[in-house]
Amino acid sequence: MSEQLSSGGIELPPDEIEALHARWSSCWTSSEVAQQLAGIGTPWYVAAGWALGLFRGRQTRAHGGIEIAIPAASFPEVRYRFPGYVFDTARSGRLWEDATPEALAAVHQTWLRDPATGNYLLDVFRKPHDGVVSADWSCRIT
């Protein structure tokens, strides 16, 4: 992903960015994510804070959302898994609702939104991936 996106999206003022946190209050748990993705062909894993809690065997802090990571090329399979939902992208104080192909190509973070409630359920990191699944640890610094 190029991370180059010159325009578009909604620029969110600080108070609206803070209000986004409330929209994650109904996010899925790791068990619900596993249930939703059961049988999917693409490899995926829980990432970020939830991953640490799962590794430790207990939740050590409150989480504002749940993140998974997938190979970027496999995103269409995940997207089609949720036909009644919308994927938005977010970066640097901007939000692209119902993300266009241009936004998806430029921004790696993708939020699954329930259009009926406006709540976010799942954060999908679309990772550059060579197709080889390994146990290697990876990190993304943005």
C-alpha atoms as a PDB file:
ATOM      1  CA  MET A   1       0.000   0.000   0.000  1.00  0.00           C
ATOM      2  CA  SER A   2       1.353   3.340  -0.944  1.00  0.00           C
ATOM      3  CA  GLU A   3       0.075   5.323   2.063  1.00  0.00           C
ATOM      4  CA  GLN A   4      -0.194   8.233  -0.399  1.00  0.00           C
ATOM      5  CA  LEU A   5      -3.677   9.700  -0.521  1.00  0.00           C
ATOM      6  CA  SER A   6      -3.831  13.307  -1.528  1.00  0.00           C
ATOM      7  CA  SER A   7      -7.439  14.140  -0.839  1.00  0.00           C
ATOM      8  CA  GLY A   8     -10.838  12.915   0.104  1.00  0.00           C
ATOM      9  CA  GLY A   9     -12.197  11.551   3.271  1.00  0.00           C
ATOM     10  CA  ILE A  10     -13.666  13.558   6.070  1.00  0.00           C
ATOM     11  CA  GLU A  11     -11.276  15.612   8.162  1.00  0.00           C
ATOM     12  CA  LEU A  12     -12.300  15.040  11.752  1.00  0.00           C
ATOM     13  CA  PRO A  13     -11.840  17.755  14.369  1.00  0.00           C
ATOM     14  CA  PRO A  14     -10.469  16.571  17.741  1.00  0.00           C
ATOM     15  CA  ASP A  15     -13.907  16.329  19.378  1.00  0.00           C
ATOM     16  CA  GLU A  16     -15.181  14.051  16.596  1.00  0.00           C
ATOM     17  CA  ILE A  17     -12.081  11.885  16.827  1.00  0.00           C
ATOM     18  CA  GLU A  18     -12.801  11.486  20.536  1.00  0.00           C
ATOM     19  CA  ALA A  19     -16.449  10.661  19.732  1.00  0.00           C
ATOM     20  CA  LEU A  20     -15.273   7.797  17.490  1.00  0.00           C
ATOM     21  CA  HIS A  21     -14.267   5.882  20.616  1.00  0.00           C
ATOM     22  CA  ALA A  22     -17.931   5.508  21.595  1.00  0.00           C
ATOM     23  CA  ARG A  23     -18.659   3.951  18.199  1.00  0.00           C
ATOM     24  CA  TRP A  24     -16.375   1.043  19.153  1.00  0.00           C
ATOM     25  CA  SER A  25     -18.351   0.209  22.317  1.00  0.00           C
ATOM     26  CA  SER A  26     -20.167  -2.666  20.569  1.00  0.00           C
ATOM     27  CA  CYS A  27     -17.109  -4.148  18.877  1.00  0.00           C
ATOM     28  CA  TRP A  28     -16.838  -7.899  18.673  1.00  0.00           C
ATOM     29  CA  THR A  29     -14.827  -9.958  21.131  1.00  0.00           C
ATOM     30  CA  SER A  30     -12.068 -12.275  19.951  1.00  0.00           C
ATOM     31  CA  SER A  31     -14.502 -15.218  20.207  1.00  0.00           C
ATOM     32  CA  GLU A  32     -17.072 -13.387  18.088  1.00  0.00           C
ATOM     33  CA  VAL A  33     -14.425 -12.562  15.477  1.00  0.00           C
ATOM     34  CA  ALA A  34     -13.422 -16.232  15.337  1.00  0.00           C
ATOM     35  CA  GLN A  35     -17.069 -17.188  14.897  1.00  0.00           C
ATOM     36  CA  GLN A  36     -17.601 -14.596  12.143  1.00  0.00           C
ATOM     37  CA  LEU A  37     -14.486 -15.736  10.256  1.00  0.00           C
ATOM     38  CA  ALA A  38     -14.949 -19.488  10.744  1.00  0.00           C
ATOM     39  CA  GLY A  39     -14.177 -21.335   7.525  1.00  0.00           C
ATOM     40  CA  ILE A  40     -12.650 -18.374   5.705  1.00  0.00           C
ATOM     41  CA  GLY A  41      -9.772 -19.330   3.411  1.00  0.00           C
ATOM     42  CA  THR A  42      -7.419 -16.449   4.080  1.00  0.00           C
ATOM     43  CA  PRO A  43      -5.039 -16.573   7.030  1.00  0.00           C
ATOM     44  CA  TRP A  44      -5.826 -14.064   9.745  1.00  0.00           C
ATOM     45  CA  TYR A  45      -4.719 -13.363  13.280  1.00  0.00           C
ATOM     46  CA  VAL A  46      -5.720 -11.187  16.191  1.00  0.00           C
ATOM     47  CA  ALA A  47      -3.343  -8.222  16.415  1.00  0.00           C
ATOM     48  CA  ALA A  48      -2.437  -5.401  18.797  1.00  0.00           C
ATOM     49  CA  GLY A  49      -3.801  -5.273  22.358  1.00  0.00           C
ATOM     50  CA  TRP A  50      -6.184  -8.209  22.102  1.00  0.00           C
ATOM     51  CA  ALA A  51      -3.330 -10.398  20.826  1.00  0.00           C
ATOM     52  CA  LEU A  52      -1.313  -9.653  23.941  1.00  0.00           C
ATOM     53  CA  GLY A  53      -4.252 -10.526  26.183  1.00  0.00           C
ATOM     54  CA  LEU A  54      -4.897 -13.769  24.326  1.00  0.00           C
ATOM     55  CA  PHE A  55      -1.217 -14.680  24.575  1.00  0.00           C
ATOM     56  CA  ARG A  56      -1.247 -14.042  28.317  1.00  0.00           C
ATOM     57  CA  GLY A  57      -4.498 -15.951  28.734  1.00  0.00           C
ATOM     58  CA  ARG A  58      -6.368 -13.025  30.233  1.00  0.00           C
ATOM     59  CA  GLN A  59      -7.443  -9.513  29.393  1.00  0.00           C
ATOM     60  CA  THR A  60      -5.140  -7.086  31.183  1.00  0.00           C
ATOM     61  CA  ARG A  61      -6.810  -3.845  30.153  1.00  0.00           C
ATOM     62  CA  ALA A  62      -9.954  -2.497  28.539  1.00  0.00           C
ATOM     63  CA  HIS A  63      -9.833  -2.451  24.766  1.00  0.00           C
ATOM     64  CA  GLY A  64     -11.382   0.208  22.559  1.00  0.00           C
ATOM     65  CA  GLY A  65     -11.668  -2.185  19.632  1.00  0.00           C
ATOM     66  CA  ILE A  66     -10.390  -5.448  18.245  1.00  0.00           C
ATOM     67  CA  GLU A  67      -7.864  -5.707  15.447  1.00  0.00           C
ATOM     68  CA  ILE A  68      -7.045  -8.528  13.101  1.00  0.00           C
ATOM     69  CA  ALA A  69      -4.440  -8.648  10.363  1.00  0.00           C
ATOM     70  CA  ILE A  70      -4.767 -10.294   6.970  1.00  0.00           C
ATOM     71  CA  PRO A  71      -2.747 -10.302   3.755  1.00  0.00           C
ATOM     72  CA  ALA A  72      -3.845  -7.224   1.797  1.00  0.00           C
ATOM     73  CA  ALA A  73      -4.469  -9.295  -1.331  1.00  0.00           C
ATOM     74  CA  SER A  74      -7.013 -11.380   0.611  1.00  0.00           C
ATOM     75  CA  PHE A  75      -9.154  -8.423   1.651  1.00  0.00           C
ATOM     76  CA  PRO A  76     -11.863  -9.094  -0.973  1.00  0.00           C
ATOM     77  CA  GLU A  77     -12.592 -12.457   0.676  1.00  0.00           C
ATOM     78  CA  VAL A  78     -13.018 -10.773   4.057  1.00  0.00           C
ATOM     79  CA  ARG A  79     -15.042  -7.938   2.550  1.00  0.00           C
ATOM     80  CA  TYR A  80     -17.472 -10.329   0.857  1.00  0.00           C
ATOM     81  CA  ARG A  81     -17.893 -12.170   4.149  1.00  0.00           C
ATOM     82  CA  PHE A  82     -19.814  -9.149   5.500  1.00  0.00           C
ATOM     83  CA  PRO A  83     -22.295  -8.080   2.798  1.00  0.00           C
ATOM     84  CA  GLY A  84     -24.553  -6.173   5.208  1.00  0.00           C
ATOM     85  CA  TYR A  85     -21.719  -4.051   6.553  1.00  0.00           C
ATOM     86  CA  VAL A  86     -19.513  -1.238   5.274  1.00  0.00           C
ATOM     87  CA  PHE A  87     -15.738  -0.855   5.408  1.00  0.00           C
ATOM     88  CA  ASP A  88     -14.270   2.562   6.174  1.00  0.00           C
ATOM     89  CA  THR A  89     -10.600   3.531   6.205  1.00  0.00           C
ATOM     90  CA  ALA A  90      -8.943   5.911   8.625  1.00  0.00           C
ATOM     91  CA  ARG A  91      -5.617   7.689   8.898  1.00  0.00           C
ATOM     92  CA  SER A  92      -4.188  10.887  10.346  1.00  0.00           C
ATOM     93  CA  GLY A  93      -7.462  12.396  11.518  1.00  0.00           C
ATOM     94  CA  ARG A  94      -9.329  11.559   8.316  1.00  0.00           C
ATOM     95  CA  LEU A  95     -12.072   9.028   7.704  1.00  0.00           C
ATOM     96  CA  TRP A  96     -13.078   7.578   4.340  1.00  0.00           C
ATOM     97  CA  GLU A  97     -16.572   6.137   4.756  1.00  0.00           C
ATOM     98  CA  ASP A  98     -17.479   3.251   2.455  1.00  0.00           C
ATOM     99  CA  ALA A  99     -13.891   3.293   1.279  1.00  0.00           C
ATOM    100  CA  THR A 100     -13.194   3.606  -2.415  1.00  0.00           C
ATOM    101  CA  PRO A 101     -10.563   1.471  -4.156  1.00  0.00           C
ATOM    102  CA  GLU A 102      -8.238   4.513  -4.049  1.00  0.00           C
ATOM    103  CA  ALA A 103      -8.590   4.812  -0.264  1.00  0.00           C
ATOM    104  CA  LEU A 104      -8.179   1.059   0.194  1.00  0.00           C
ATOM    105  CA  ALA A 105      -5.003   1.112  -1.903  1.00  0.00           C
ATOM    106  CA  ALA A 106      -3.493   3.899   0.176  1.00  0.00           C
ATOM    107  CA  VAL A 107      -4.538   3.191   3.762  1.00  0.00           C
ATOM    108  CA  HIS A 108      -3.879  -0.130   5.550  1.00  0.00           C
ATOM    109  CA  GLN A 109      -6.399   0.293   8.370  1.00  0.00           C
ATOM    110  CA  THR A 110      -9.955  -0.772   7.556  1.00  0.00           C
ATOM    111  CA  TRP A 111     -12.887  -0.498   9.964  1.00  0.00           C
ATOM    112  CA  LEU A 112     -15.971  -2.711   9.641  1.00  0.00           C
ATOM    113  CA  ARG A 113     -19.073  -0.611  10.374  1.00  0.00           C
ATOM    114  CA  ASP A 114     -22.676  -1.620  10.941  1.00  0.00           C
ATOM    115  CA  PRO A 115     -24.557   0.895   8.749  1.00  0.00           C
ATOM    116  CA  ALA A 116     -27.742   0.477  10.809  1.00  0.00           C
ATOM    117  CA  THR A 117     -26.108   1.693  14.027  1.00  0.00           C
ATOM    118  CA  GLY A 118     -22.953   3.449  12.836  1.00  0.00           C
ATOM    119  CA  ASN A 119     -20.961   1.318  15.292  1.00  0.00           C
ATOM    120  CA  TYR A 120     -17.607  -0.207  14.439  1.00  0.00           C
ATOM    121  CA  LEU A 121     -17.215  -3.940  15.014  1.00  0.00           C
ATOM    122  CA  LEU A 122     -13.769  -4.922  13.730  1.00  0.00           C
ATOM    123  CA  ASP A 123     -10.511  -3.248  12.699  1.00  0.00           C
ATOM    124  CA  VAL A 124      -8.826  -5.066   9.798  1.00  0.00           C
ATOM    125  CA  PHE A 125      -5.140  -4.378   9.140  1.00  0.00           C
ATOM    126  CA  ARG A 126      -4.410  -5.188   5.500  1.00  0.00           C
ATOM    127  CA  LYS A 127      -0.738  -6.185   5.555  1.00  0.00           C
ATOM    128  CA  PRO A 128       1.683  -6.390   2.648  1.00  0.00           C
ATOM    129  CA  HIS A 129       2.312 -10.103   2.386  1.00  0.00           C
ATOM    130  CA  ASP A 130       4.313 -12.399   0.119  1.00  0.00           C
ATOM    131  CA  GLY A 131       1.878 -15.298   0.478  1.00  0.00           C
ATOM    132  CA  VAL A 132       4.095 -17.363   2.751  1.00  0.00           C
ATOM    133  CA  VAL A 133       2.585 -17.976   6.172  1.00  0.00           C
ATOM    134  CA  SER A 134       5.216 -18.224   8.886  1.00  0.00           C
ATOM    135  CA  ALA A 135       5.536 -17.853  12.620  1.00  0.00           C
ATOM    136  CA  ASP A 136       7.721 -14.764  12.211  1.00  0.00           C
ATOM    137  CA  TRP A 137       6.775 -11.714  14.221  1.00  0.00           C
ATOM    138  CA  SER A 138       6.098  -8.514  12.301  1.00  0.00           C
ATOM    139  CA  CYS A 139       5.658  -4.900  13.275  1.00  0.00           C
ATOM    140  CA  ARG A 140       4.264  -1.904  11.445  1.00  0.00           C
ATOM    141  CA  ILE A 141       5.331   1.559  12.529  1.00  0.00           C
ATOM    142  CA  THR A 142       3.395   4.406  10.948  1.00  0.00           C
END
